[in-house]
């Protein structure tokens, strides 16, 4: 039987937009949303292709900085993904955040 696999997600915001710290991220995997605090999280998933979307609520905007990316999860592998908000909350309604798959060295 397979081991642990999934997405290791790291969410960050621009340090001068400190008010974002009082919000939570909305992380949606394959259409299923969950609210998570900023930081690092492991999301266990079955092997295969998954659609990851990250956004946050801010001043009446339900999906500020919304970004999405397809993620291929292999059996017994963890895919490291990072999300960063737009450079300013003033443009978060119009500019997506940056969601990237991080390269990891094989052991």
PDB file of N, CA and C in Angstrom:
ATOM      1  N   UNK A   1       0.831  -1.182   0.000  1.00  0.00           N
ATOM      2  CA  UNK A   1       0.000   0.000   0.000  1.00  0.00           C
ATOM      3  C   UNK A   1       0.874   1.243   0.000  1.00  0.00           C
ATOM      4  N   UNK A   2       0.402   2.359  -0.618  1.00  0.00           N
ATOM      5  CA  UNK A   2       1.182   3.585  -0.755  1.00  0.00           C
ATOM      6  C   UNK A   2       1.373   4.306   0.561  1.00  0.00           C
ATOM      7  N   UNK A   3       2.356   5.183   0.555  1.00  0.00           N
ATOM      8  CA  UNK A   3       2.640   5.978   1.738  1.00  0.00           C
ATOM      9  C   UNK A   3       1.978   7.332   1.652  1.00  0.00           C
ATOM     10  N   UNK A   4       2.602   8.297   2.298  1.00  0.00           N
ATOM     11  CA  UNK A   4       2.050   9.652   2.295  1.00  0.00           C
ATOM     12  C   UNK A   4       2.384  10.355   0.997  1.00  0.00           C
ATOM     13  N   UNK A   5       1.378  10.977   0.433  1.00  0.00           N
ATOM     14  CA  UNK A   5       1.588  11.831  -0.717  1.00  0.00           C
ATOM     15  C   UNK A   5       0.603  12.980  -0.632  1.00  0.00           C
ATOM     16  N   UNK A   6       0.955  14.065  -1.281  1.00  0.00           N
ATOM     17  CA  UNK A   6       0.071  15.223  -1.253  1.00  0.00           C
ATOM     18  C   UNK A   6       0.820  16.491  -1.571  1.00  0.00           C
ATOM     19  N   UNK A   7       0.282  17.608  -1.068  1.00  0.00           N
ATOM     20  CA  UNK A   7       0.853  18.923  -1.313  1.00  0.00           C
ATOM     21  C   UNK A   7       1.312  19.536   0.002  1.00  0.00           C
ATOM     22  N   UNK A   8       2.549  20.007   0.032  1.00  0.00           N
ATOM     23  CA  UNK A   8       3.054  20.819   1.148  1.00  0.00           C
ATOM     24  C   UNK A   8       2.933  22.257   0.671  1.00  0.00           C
ATOM     25  N   UNK A   9       1.991  23.001   1.241  1.00  0.00           N
ATOM     26  CA  UNK A   9       1.679  24.353   0.798  1.00  0.00           C
ATOM     27  C   UNK A   9       2.210  25.379   1.785  1.00  0.00           C
ATOM     28  N   UNK A  10       2.907  26.369   1.262  1.00  0.00           N
ATOM     29  CA  UNK A  10       3.402  27.494   2.075  1.00  0.00           C
ATOM     30  C   UNK A  10       2.752  28.762   1.549  1.00  0.00           C
ATOM     31  N   UNK A  11       2.036  29.481   2.424  1.00  0.00           N
ATOM     32  CA  UNK A  11       1.380  30.722   2.022  1.00  0.00           C
ATOM     33  C   UNK A  11       2.037  31.901   2.732  1.00  0.00           C
ATOM     34  N   UNK A  12       2.296  32.979   1.957  1.00  0.00           N
ATOM     35  CA  UNK A  12       2.982  34.163   2.493  1.00  0.00           C
ATOM     36  C   UNK A  12       2.338  35.429   1.941  1.00  0.00           C
ATOM     37  N   UNK A  13       2.572  36.535   2.643  1.00  0.00           N
ATOM     38  CA  UNK A  13       2.105  37.828   2.165  1.00  0.00           C
ATOM     39  C   UNK A  13       3.229  38.847   2.304  1.00  0.00           C
ATOM     40  N   UNK A  14       3.117  39.935   1.532  1.00  0.00           N
ATOM     41  CA  UNK A  14       4.100  41.007   1.556  1.00  0.00           C
ATOM     42  C   UNK A  14       4.118  41.636   2.947  1.00  0.00           C
ATOM     43  N   UNK A  15       5.262  41.741   3.556  1.00  0.00           N
ATOM     44  CA  UNK A  15       5.399  42.128   4.957  1.00  0.00           C
ATOM     45  C   UNK A  15       4.772  43.491   5.277  1.00  0.00           C
ATOM     46  N   UNK A  16       4.765  44.425   4.337  1.00  0.00           N
ATOM     47  CA  UNK A  16       4.175  45.735   4.620  1.00  0.00           C
ATOM     48  C   UNK A  16       2.651  45.708   4.619  1.00  0.00           C
ATOM     49  N   UNK A  17       2.067  44.650   4.088  1.00  0.00           N
ATOM     50  CA  UNK A  17       0.612  44.465   4.136  1.00  0.00           C
ATOM     51  C   UNK A  17       0.247  43.639   5.367  1.00  0.00           C
ATOM     52  N   UNK A  18       0.710  44.073   6.539  1.00  0.00           N
ATOM     53  CA  UNK A  18       0.560  43.311   7.780  1.00  0.00           C
ATOM     54  C   UNK A  18      -0.892  43.058   8.161  1.00  0.00           C
ATOM     55  N   UNK A  19      -1.819  43.866   7.664  1.00  0.00           N
ATOM     56  CA  UNK A  19      -3.232  43.652   8.014  1.00  0.00           C
ATOM     57  C   UNK A  19      -3.755  42.339   7.440  1.00  0.00           C
ATOM     58  N   UNK A  20      -3.101  41.822   6.406  1.00  0.00           N
ATOM     59  CA  UNK A  20      -3.496  40.539   5.826  1.00  0.00           C
ATOM     60  C   UNK A  20      -3.318  39.422   6.854  1.00  0.00           C
ATOM     61  N   UNK A  21      -2.429  39.621   7.811  1.00  0.00           N
ATOM     62  CA  UNK A  21      -2.199  38.616   8.851  1.00  0.00           C
ATOM     63  C   UNK A  21      -3.468  38.299   9.636  1.00  0.00           C
ATOM     64  N   UNK A  22      -4.436  39.217   9.639  1.00  0.00           N
ATOM     65  CA  UNK A  22      -5.680  39.010  10.375  1.00  0.00           C
ATOM     66  C   UNK A  22      -6.728  38.273   9.537  1.00  0.00           C
ATOM     67  N   UNK A  23      -6.355  37.849   8.350  1.00  0.00           N
ATOM     68  CA  UNK A  23      -7.251  37.086   7.484  1.00  0.00           C
ATOM     69  C   UNK A  23      -6.796  35.628   7.455  1.00  0.00           C
ATOM     70  N   UNK A  24      -7.565  34.807   6.785  1.00  0.00           N
ATOM     71  CA  UNK A  24      -7.193  33.410   6.566  1.00  0.00           C
ATOM     72  C   UNK A  24      -7.228  33.153   5.066  1.00  0.00           C
ATOM     73  N   UNK A  25      -6.447  32.196   4.643  1.00  0.00           N
ATOM     74  CA  UNK A  25      -6.469  31.838   3.230  1.00  0.00           C
ATOM     75  C   UNK A  25      -7.639  30.895   2.959  1.00  0.00           C
ATOM     76  N   UNK A  26      -8.141  30.934   1.741  1.00  0.00           N
ATOM     77  CA  UNK A  26      -9.100  29.940   1.282  1.00  0.00           C
ATOM     78  C   UNK A  26      -8.338  29.059   0.300  1.00  0.00           C
ATOM     79  N   UNK A  27      -8.127  27.819   0.687  1.00  0.00           N
ATOM     80  CA  UNK A  27      -7.409  26.857  -0.138  1.00  0.00           C
ATOM     81  C   UNK A  27      -8.437  25.877  -0.692  1.00  0.00           C
ATOM     82  N   UNK A  28      -8.512  25.815  -2.008  1.00  0.00           N
ATOM     83  CA  UNK A  28      -9.484  24.943  -2.663  1.00  0.00           C
ATOM     84  C   UNK A  28      -8.735  23.893  -3.462  1.00  0.00           C
ATOM     85  N   UNK A  29      -9.029  22.634  -3.180  1.00  0.00           N
ATOM     86  CA  UNK A  29      -8.433  21.522  -3.926  1.00  0.00           C
ATOM     87  C   UNK A  29      -9.571  20.753  -4.571  1.00  0.00           C
ATOM     88  N   UNK A  30      -9.522  20.670  -5.888  1.00  0.00           N
ATOM     89  CA  UNK A  30     -10.551  19.945  -6.652  1.00  0.00           C
ATOM     90  C   UNK A  30     -11.960  20.404  -6.294  1.00  0.00           C
ATOM     91  N   UNK A  31     -12.131  21.728  -6.132  1.00  0.00           N
ATOM     92  CA  UNK A  31     -13.447  22.285  -5.855  1.00  0.00           C
ATOM     93  C   UNK A  31     -13.886  22.252  -4.401  1.00  0.00           C
ATOM     94  N   UNK A  32     -13.064  21.708  -3.506  1.00  0.00           N
ATOM     95  CA  UNK A  32     -13.415  21.636  -2.084  1.00  0.00           C
ATOM     96  C   UNK A  32     -12.623  22.681  -1.295  1.00  0.00           C
ATOM     97  N   UNK A  33     -13.294  23.781  -0.870  1.00  0.00           N
ATOM     98  CA  UNK A  33     -12.574  24.837  -0.145  1.00  0.00           C
ATOM     99  C   UNK A  33     -12.396  24.530   1.336  1.00  0.00           C
ATOM    100  N   UNK A  34     -11.349  25.096   1.896  1.00  0.00           N
ATOM    101  CA  UNK A  34     -11.115  25.063   3.346  1.00  0.00           C
ATOM    102  C   UNK A  34     -10.359  26.330   3.716  1.00  0.00           C
ATOM    103  N   UNK A  35     -10.657  26.858   4.870  1.00  0.00           N
ATOM    104  CA  UNK A  35      -9.956  28.044   5.356  1.00  0.00           C
ATOM    105  C   UNK A  35      -8.785  27.606   6.222  1.00  0.00           C
ATOM    106  N   UNK A  36      -7.620  28.190   5.934  1.00  0.00           N
ATOM    107  CA  UNK A  36      -6.405  27.858   6.675  1.00  0.00           C
ATOM    108  C   UNK A  36      -5.676  29.132   7.046  1.00  0.00           C
ATOM    109  N   UNK A  37      -4.983  29.159   8.184  1.00  0.00           N
ATOM    110  CA  UNK A  37      -4.179  30.335   8.520  1.00  0.00           C
ATOM    111  C   UNK A  37      -2.966  30.419   7.583  1.00  0.00           C
ATOM    112  N   UNK A  38      -2.360  31.576   7.537  1.00  0.00           N
ATOM    113  CA  UNK A  38      -1.132  31.742   6.747  1.00  0.00           C
ATOM    114  C   UNK A  38      -0.044  30.848   7.329  1.00  0.00           C
ATOM    115  N   UNK A  39       0.820  30.344   6.476  1.00  0.00           N
ATOM    116  CA  UNK A  39       1.921  29.504   6.950  1.00  0.00           C
ATOM    117  C   UNK A  39       2.056  28.245   6.127  1.00  0.00           C
ATOM    118  N   UNK A  40       2.499  27.176   6.778  1.00  0.00           N
ATOM    119  CA  UNK A  40       2.775  25.917   6.091  1.00  0.00           C
ATOM    120  C   UNK A  40       1.761  24.857   6.483  1.00  0.00           C
ATOM    121  N   UNK A  41       1.294  24.111   5.462  1.00  0.00           N
ATOM    122  CA  UNK A  41       0.276  23.083   5.663  1.00  0.00           C
ATOM    123  C   UNK A  41       0.551  21.893   4.755  1.00  0.00           C
ATOM    124  N   UNK A  42       0.204  20.705   5.235  1.00  0.00           N
ATOM    125  CA  UNK A  42       0.275  19.504   4.399  1.00  0.00           C
ATOM    126  C   UNK A  42      -1.147  19.078   4.071  1.00  0.00           C
ATOM    127  N   UNK A  43      -1.390  18.879   2.780  1.00  0.00           N
ATOM    128  CA  UNK A  43      -2.705  18.448   2.318  1.00  0.00           C
ATOM    129  C   UNK A  43      -2.552  17.062   1.711  1.00  0.00           C
ATOM    130  N   UNK A  44      -2.977  16.004   2.414  1.00  0.00           N
ATOM    131  CA  UNK A  44      -2.854  14.643   1.867  1.00  0.00           C
ATOM    132  C   UNK A  44      -3.822  14.456   0.699  1.00  0.00           C
ATOM    133  N   UNK A  45      -3.320  13.847  -0.379  1.00  0.00           N
ATOM    134  CA  UNK A  45      -4.130  13.628  -1.574  1.00  0.00           C
ATOM    135  C   UNK A  45      -3.807  12.282  -2.202  1.00  0.00           C
ATOM    136  N   UNK A  46      -4.751  11.772  -2.952  1.00  0.00           N
ATOM    137  CA  UNK A  46      -4.519  10.574  -3.743  1.00  0.00           C
ATOM    138  C   UNK A  46      -3.604  10.937  -4.920  1.00  0.00           C
ATOM    139  N   UNK A  47      -2.855   9.970  -5.452  1.00  0.00           N
ATOM    140  CA  UNK A  47      -2.045  10.262  -6.637  1.00  0.00           C
ATOM    141  C   UNK A  47      -2.936  10.712  -7.797  1.00  0.00           C
ATOM    142  N   UNK A  48      -2.392  11.591  -8.621  1.00  0.00           N
ATOM    143  CA  UNK A  48      -3.115  12.079  -9.783  1.00  0.00           C
ATOM    144  C   UNK A  48      -3.016  13.581  -9.907  1.00  0.00           C
ATOM    145  N   UNK A  49      -3.749  14.134 -10.877  1.00  0.00           N
ATOM    146  CA  UNK A  49      -3.757  15.582 -11.118  1.00  0.00           C
ATOM    147  C   UNK A  49      -4.849  16.233 -10.267  1.00  0.00           C
ATOM    148  N   UNK A  50      -4.471  17.324  -9.605  1.00  0.00           N
ATOM    149  CA  UNK A  50      -5.386  18.062  -8.745  1.00  0.00           C
ATOM    150  C   UNK A  50      -5.310  19.540  -9.092  1.00  0.00           C
ATOM    151  N   UNK A  51      -6.433  20.231  -8.942  1.00  0.00           N
ATOM    152  CA  UNK A  51      -6.484  21.671  -9.174  1.00  0.00           C
ATOM    153  C   UNK A  51      -6.414  22.381  -7.822  1.00  0.00           C
ATOM    154  N   UNK A  52      -5.373  23.181  -7.628  1.00  0.00           N
ATOM    155  CA  UNK A  52      -5.158  23.924  -6.384  1.00  0.00           C
ATOM    156  C   UNK A  52      -5.430  25.400  -6.630  1.00  0.00           C
ATOM    157  N   UNK A  53      -6.207  25.998  -5.749  1.00  0.00           N
ATOM    158  CA  UNK A  53      -6.516  27.430  -5.838  1.00  0.00           C
ATOM    159  C   UNK A  53      -6.348  28.047  -4.459  1.00  0.00           C
ATOM    160  N   UNK A  54      -5.738  29.219  -4.404  1.00  0.00           N
ATOM    161  CA  UNK A  54      -5.532  29.922  -3.136  1.00  0.00           C
ATOM    162  C   UNK A  54      -5.979  31.369  -3.301  1.00  0.00           C
ATOM    163  N   UNK A  55      -6.692  31.874  -2.303  1.00  0.00           N
ATOM    164  CA  UNK A  55      -7.103  33.275  -2.251  1.00  0.00           C
ATOM    165  C   UNK A  55      -7.300  33.635  -0.780  1.00  0.00           C
ATOM    166  N   UNK A  56      -7.742  34.863  -0.536  1.00  0.00           N
ATOM    167  CA  UNK A  56      -8.036  35.276   0.836  1.00  0.00           C
ATOM    168  C   UNK A  56      -9.107  36.358   0.808  1.00  0.00           C
ATOM    169  N   UNK A  57      -9.851  36.469   1.907  1.00  0.00           N
ATOM    170  CA  UNK A  57     -10.872  37.519   2.035  1.00  0.00           C
ATOM    171  C   UNK A  57     -10.180  38.783   2.524  1.00  0.00           C
ATOM    172  N   UNK A  58     -10.534  39.905   1.893  1.00  0.00           N
ATOM    173  CA  UNK A  58      -9.946  41.158   2.345  1.00  0.00           C
ATOM    174  C   UNK A  58     -10.883  42.310   2.015  1.00  0.00           C
ATOM    175  N   UNK A  59     -11.332  43.038   3.017  1.00  0.00           N
ATOM    176  CA  UNK A  59     -12.185  44.212   2.862  1.00  0.00           C
ATOM    177  C   UNK A  59     -13.331  43.995   1.879  1.00  0.00           C
ATOM    178  N   UNK A  60     -14.088  42.968   2.089  1.00  0.00           N
ATOM    179  CA  UNK A  60     -15.245  42.687   1.242  1.00  0.00           C
ATOM    180  C   UNK A  60     -14.942  41.920  -0.027  1.00  0.00           C
ATOM    181  N   UNK A  61     -13.691  41.701  -0.325  1.00  0.00           N
ATOM    182  CA  UNK A  61     -13.320  40.898  -1.495  1.00  0.00           C
ATOM    183  C   UNK A  61     -13.255  39.437  -1.069  1.00  0.00           C
ATOM    184  N   UNK A  62     -14.126  38.576  -1.593  1.00  0.00           N
ATOM    185  CA  UNK A  62     -14.122  37.184  -1.149  1.00  0.00           C
ATOM    186  C   UNK A  62     -12.946  36.362  -1.688  1.00  0.00           C
ATOM    187  N   UNK A  63     -12.347  36.805  -2.812  1.00  0.00           N
ATOM    188  CA  UNK A  63     -11.260  36.028  -3.423  1.00  0.00           C
ATOM    189  C   UNK A  63     -10.104  36.930  -3.851  1.00  0.00           C
ATOM    190  N   UNK A  64      -9.608  37.731  -2.928  1.00  0.00           N
ATOM    191  CA  UNK A  64      -8.473  38.609  -3.228  1.00  0.00           C
ATOM    192  C   UNK A  64      -7.248  37.775  -3.568  1.00  0.00           C
ATOM    193  N   UNK A  65      -6.484  38.215  -4.554  1.00  0.00           N
ATOM    194  CA  UNK A  65      -5.242  37.540  -4.918  1.00  0.00           C
ATOM    195  C   UNK A  65      -5.401  36.119  -5.413  1.00  0.00           C
ATOM    196  N   UNK A  66      -6.570  35.790  -5.959  1.00  0.00           N
ATOM    197  CA  UNK A  66      -6.857  34.400  -6.362  1.00  0.00           C
ATOM    198  C   UNK A  66      -5.891  33.917  -7.441  1.00  0.00           C
ATOM    199  N   UNK A  67      -5.308  32.760  -7.189  1.00  0.00           N
ATOM    200  CA  UNK A  67      -4.411  32.112  -8.148  1.00  0.00           C
ATOM    201  C   UNK A  67      -4.698  30.617  -8.132  1.00  0.00           C
ATOM    202  N   UNK A  68      -4.499  29.971  -9.273  1.00  0.00           N
ATOM    203  CA  UNK A  68      -4.712  28.522  -9.322  1.00  0.00           C
ATOM    204  C   UNK A  68      -3.642  27.878 -10.196  1.00  0.00           C
ATOM    205  N   UNK A  69      -3.451  26.584  -9.953  1.00  0.00           N
ATOM    206  CA  UNK A  69      -2.427  25.834 -10.667  1.00  0.00           C
ATOM    207  C   UNK A  69      -2.788  24.346 -10.625  1.00  0.00           C
ATOM    208  N   UNK A  70      -2.546  23.616 -11.721  1.00  0.00           N
ATOM    209  CA  UNK A  70      -2.709  22.163 -11.647  1.00  0.00           C
ATOM    210  C   UNK A  70      -1.465  21.549 -10.984  1.00  0.00           C
ATOM    211  N   UNK A  71      -1.684  20.551 -10.146  1.00  0.00           N
ATOM    212  CA  UNK A  71      -0.584  19.899  -9.436  1.00  0.00           C
ATOM    213  C   UNK A  71      -0.687  18.398  -9.651  1.00  0.00           C
ATOM    214  N   UNK A  72       0.385  17.804 -10.162  1.00  0.00           N
ATOM    215  CA  UNK A  72       0.445  16.352 -10.352  1.00  0.00           C
ATOM    216  C   UNK A  72       1.121  15.724  -9.143  1.00  0.00           C
ATOM    217  N   UNK A  73       0.380  14.890  -8.425  1.00  0.00           N
ATOM    218  CA  UNK A  73       0.894  14.222  -7.235  1.00  0.00           C
ATOM    219  C   UNK A  73       1.167  12.758  -7.591  1.00  0.00           C
ATOM    220  N   UNK A  74       2.410  12.345  -7.430  1.00  0.00           N
ATOM    221  CA  UNK A  74       2.791  10.952  -7.686  1.00  0.00           C
ATOM    222  C   UNK A  74       2.675  10.149  -6.387  1.00  0.00           C
ATOM    223  N   UNK A  75       2.540   8.850  -6.521  1.00  0.00           N
ATOM    224  CA  UNK A  75       2.462   7.974  -5.350  1.00  0.00           C
ATOM    225  C   UNK A  75       3.717   8.150  -4.494  1.00  0.00           C
ATOM    226  N   UNK A  76       3.529   8.246  -3.197  1.00  0.00           N
ATOM    227  CA  UNK A  76       4.614   8.363  -2.223  1.00  0.00           C
ATOM    228  C   UNK A  76       5.471   9.615  -2.418  1.00  0.00           C
ATOM    229  N   UNK A  77       4.907  10.675  -3.003  1.00  0.00           N
ATOM    230  CA  UNK A  77       5.646  11.925  -3.230  1.00  0.00           C
ATOM    231  C   UNK A  77       4.880  13.107  -2.659  1.00  0.00           C
ATOM    232  N   UNK A  78       5.630  14.102  -2.228  1.00  0.00           N
ATOM    233  CA  UNK A  78       5.053  15.355  -1.745  1.00  0.00           C
ATOM    234  C   UNK A  78       5.482  16.453  -2.714  1.00  0.00           C
ATOM    235  N   UNK A  79       4.515  17.215  -3.192  1.00  0.00           N
ATOM    236  CA  UNK A  79       4.786  18.340  -4.079  1.00  0.00           C
ATOM    237  C   UNK A  79       4.775  19.610  -3.234  1.00  0.00           C
ATOM    238  N   UNK A  80       5.863  20.377  -3.297  1.00  0.00           N
ATOM    239  CA  UNK A  80       5.983  21.606  -2.521  1.00  0.00           C
ATOM    240  C   UNK A  80       5.511  22.776  -3.374  1.00  0.00           C
ATOM    241  N   UNK A  81       4.511  23.495  -2.858  1.00  0.00           N
ATOM    242  CA  UNK A  81       3.909  24.608  -3.578  1.00  0.00           C
ATOM    243  C   UNK A  81       3.924  25.831  -2.676  1.00  0.00           C
ATOM    244  N   UNK A  82       4.219  26.998  -3.267  1.00  0.00           N
ATOM    245  CA  UNK A  82       4.180  28.231  -2.484  1.00  0.00           C
ATOM    246  C   UNK A  82       3.213  29.221  -3.112  1.00  0.00           C
ATOM    247  N   UNK A  83       2.575  29.995  -2.238  1.00  0.00           N
ATOM    248  CA  UNK A  83       1.659  31.049  -2.659  1.00  0.00           C
ATOM    249  C   UNK A  83       2.113  32.347  -2.015  1.00  0.00           C
ATOM    250  N   UNK A  84       2.151  33.399  -2.806  1.00  0.00           N
ATOM    251  CA  UNK A  84       2.473  34.728  -2.290  1.00  0.00           C
ATOM    252  C   UNK A  84       1.444  35.716  -2.824  1.00  0.00           C
ATOM    253  N   UNK A  85       0.963  36.590  -1.940  1.00  0.00           N
ATOM    254  CA  UNK A  85      -0.026  37.583  -2.333  1.00  0.00           C
ATOM    255  C   UNK A  85       0.568  38.557  -3.346  1.00  0.00           C
ATOM    256  N   UNK A  86      -0.295  39.313  -4.032  1.00  0.00           N
ATOM    257  CA  UNK A  86       0.227  40.405  -4.864  1.00  0.00           C
ATOM    258  C   UNK A  86       1.014  41.376  -3.986  1.00  0.00           C
ATOM    259  N   UNK A  87       1.833  42.201  -4.591  1.00  0.00           N
ATOM    260  CA  UNK A  87       2.728  43.103  -3.859  1.00  0.00           C
ATOM    261  C   UNK A  87       1.974  44.073  -2.947  1.00  0.00           C
ATOM    262  N   UNK A  88       0.700  44.353  -3.231  1.00  0.00           N
ATOM    263  CA  UNK A  88      -0.078  45.253  -2.388  1.00  0.00           C
ATOM    264  C   UNK A  88      -1.536  44.822  -2.360  1.00  0.00           C
ATOM    265  N   UNK A  89      -2.167  44.969  -1.211  1.00  0.00           N
ATOM    266  CA  UNK A  89      -3.593  44.651  -1.117  1.00  0.00           C
ATOM    267  C   UNK A  89      -4.423  45.605  -1.955  1.00  0.00           C
ATOM    268  N   UNK A  90      -3.869  46.735  -2.332  1.00  0.00           N
ATOM    269  CA  UNK A  90      -4.594  47.707  -3.146  1.00  0.00           C
ATOM    270  C   UNK A  90      -4.890  47.186  -4.553  1.00  0.00           C
ATOM    271  N   UNK A  91      -4.131  46.189  -5.011  1.00  0.00           N
ATOM    272  CA  UNK A  91      -4.355  45.630  -6.351  1.00  0.00           C
ATOM    273  C   UNK A  91      -4.846  44.183  -6.290  1.00  0.00           C
ATOM    274  N   UNK A  92      -5.096  43.676  -5.094  1.00  0.00           N
ATOM    275  CA  UNK A  92      -5.433  42.257  -4.927  1.00  0.00           C
ATOM    276  C   UNK A  92      -6.729  41.857  -5.615  1.00  0.00           C
ATOM    277  N   UNK A  93      -7.608  42.799  -5.878  1.00  0.00           N
ATOM    278  CA  UNK A  93      -8.854  42.475  -6.579  1.00  0.00           C
ATOM    279  C   UNK A  93      -8.607  42.271  -8.073  1.00  0.00           C
ATOM    280  N   UNK A  94      -7.499  42.823  -8.573  1.00  0.00           N
ATOM    281  CA  UNK A  94      -7.231  42.805 -10.008  1.00  0.00           C
ATOM    282  C   UNK A  94      -6.026  41.965 -10.409  1.00  0.00           C
ATOM    283  N   UNK A  95      -5.137  41.719  -9.478  1.00  0.00           N
ATOM    284  CA  UNK A  95      -3.890  41.009  -9.762  1.00  0.00           C
ATOM    285  C   UNK A  95      -3.866  39.701  -8.979  1.00  0.00           C
ATOM    286  N   UNK A  96      -3.599  38.580  -9.649  1.00  0.00           N
ATOM    287  CA  UNK A  96      -3.537  37.311  -8.909  1.00  0.00           C
ATOM    288  C   UNK A  96      -2.274  37.215  -8.071  1.00  0.00           C
ATOM    289  N   UNK A  97      -2.347  36.384  -7.062  1.00  0.00           N
ATOM    290  CA  UNK A  97      -1.153  36.063  -6.299  1.00  0.00           C
ATOM    291  C   UNK A  97      -0.268  35.168  -7.144  1.00  0.00           C
ATOM    292  N   UNK A  98       0.882  34.804  -6.607  1.00  0.00           N
ATOM    293  CA  UNK A  98       1.822  33.940  -7.327  1.00  0.00           C
ATOM    294  C   UNK A  98       1.808  32.554  -6.683  1.00  0.00           C
ATOM    295  N   UNK A  99       1.408  31.561  -7.447  1.00  0.00           N
ATOM    296  CA  UNK A  99       1.319  30.190  -6.977  1.00  0.00           C
ATOM    297  C   UNK A  99       2.296  29.371  -7.812  1.00  0.00           C
ATOM    298  N   UNK A 100       3.322  28.795  -7.175  1.00  0.00           N
ATOM    299  CA  UNK A 100       4.365  28.087  -7.917  1.00  0.00           C
ATOM    300  C   UNK A 100       4.708  26.753  -7.263  1.00  0.00           C
ATOM    301  N   UNK A 101       5.086  25.815  -8.110  1.00  0.00           N
ATOM    302  CA  UNK A 101       5.600  24.530  -7.636  1.00  0.00           C
ATOM    303  C   UNK A 101       7.092  24.706  -7.439  1.00  0.00           C
ATOM    304  N   UNK A 102       7.562  24.382  -6.252  1.00  0.00           N
ATOM    305  CA  UNK A 102       8.968  24.569  -5.899  1.00  0.00           C
ATOM    306  C   UNK A 102       9.774  23.321  -6.261  1.00  0.00           C
ATOM    307  N   UNK A 103      10.891  23.493  -6.937  1.00  0.00           N
ATOM    308  CA  UNK A 103      11.739  22.331  -7.234  1.00  0.00           C
ATOM    309  C   UNK A 103      12.398  21.818  -5.946  1.00  0.00           C
ATOM    310  N   UNK A 104      12.457  20.533  -5.806  1.00  0.00           N
ATOM    311  CA  UNK A 104      13.088  19.914  -4.636  1.00  0.00           C
ATOM    312  C   UNK A 104      14.104  18.911  -5.113  1.00  0.00           C
ATOM    313  N   UNK A 105      15.259  18.879  -4.458  1.00  0.00           N
ATOM    314  CA  UNK A 105      16.277  17.895  -4.816  1.00  0.00           C
ATOM    315  C   UNK A 105      15.846  16.508  -4.359  1.00  0.00           C
ATOM    316  N   UNK A 106      16.070  15.535  -5.187  1.00  0.00           N
ATOM    317  CA  UNK A 106      15.754  14.144  -4.830  1.00  0.00           C
ATOM    318  C   UNK A 106      16.787  13.631  -3.846  1.00  0.00           C
ATOM    319  N   UNK A 107      16.336  12.867  -2.872  1.00  0.00           N
ATOM    320  CA  UNK A 107      17.252  12.306  -1.854  1.00  0.00           C
ATOM    321  C   UNK A 107      17.909  11.050  -2.370  1.00  0.00           C
TER     322      UNK A 107
END
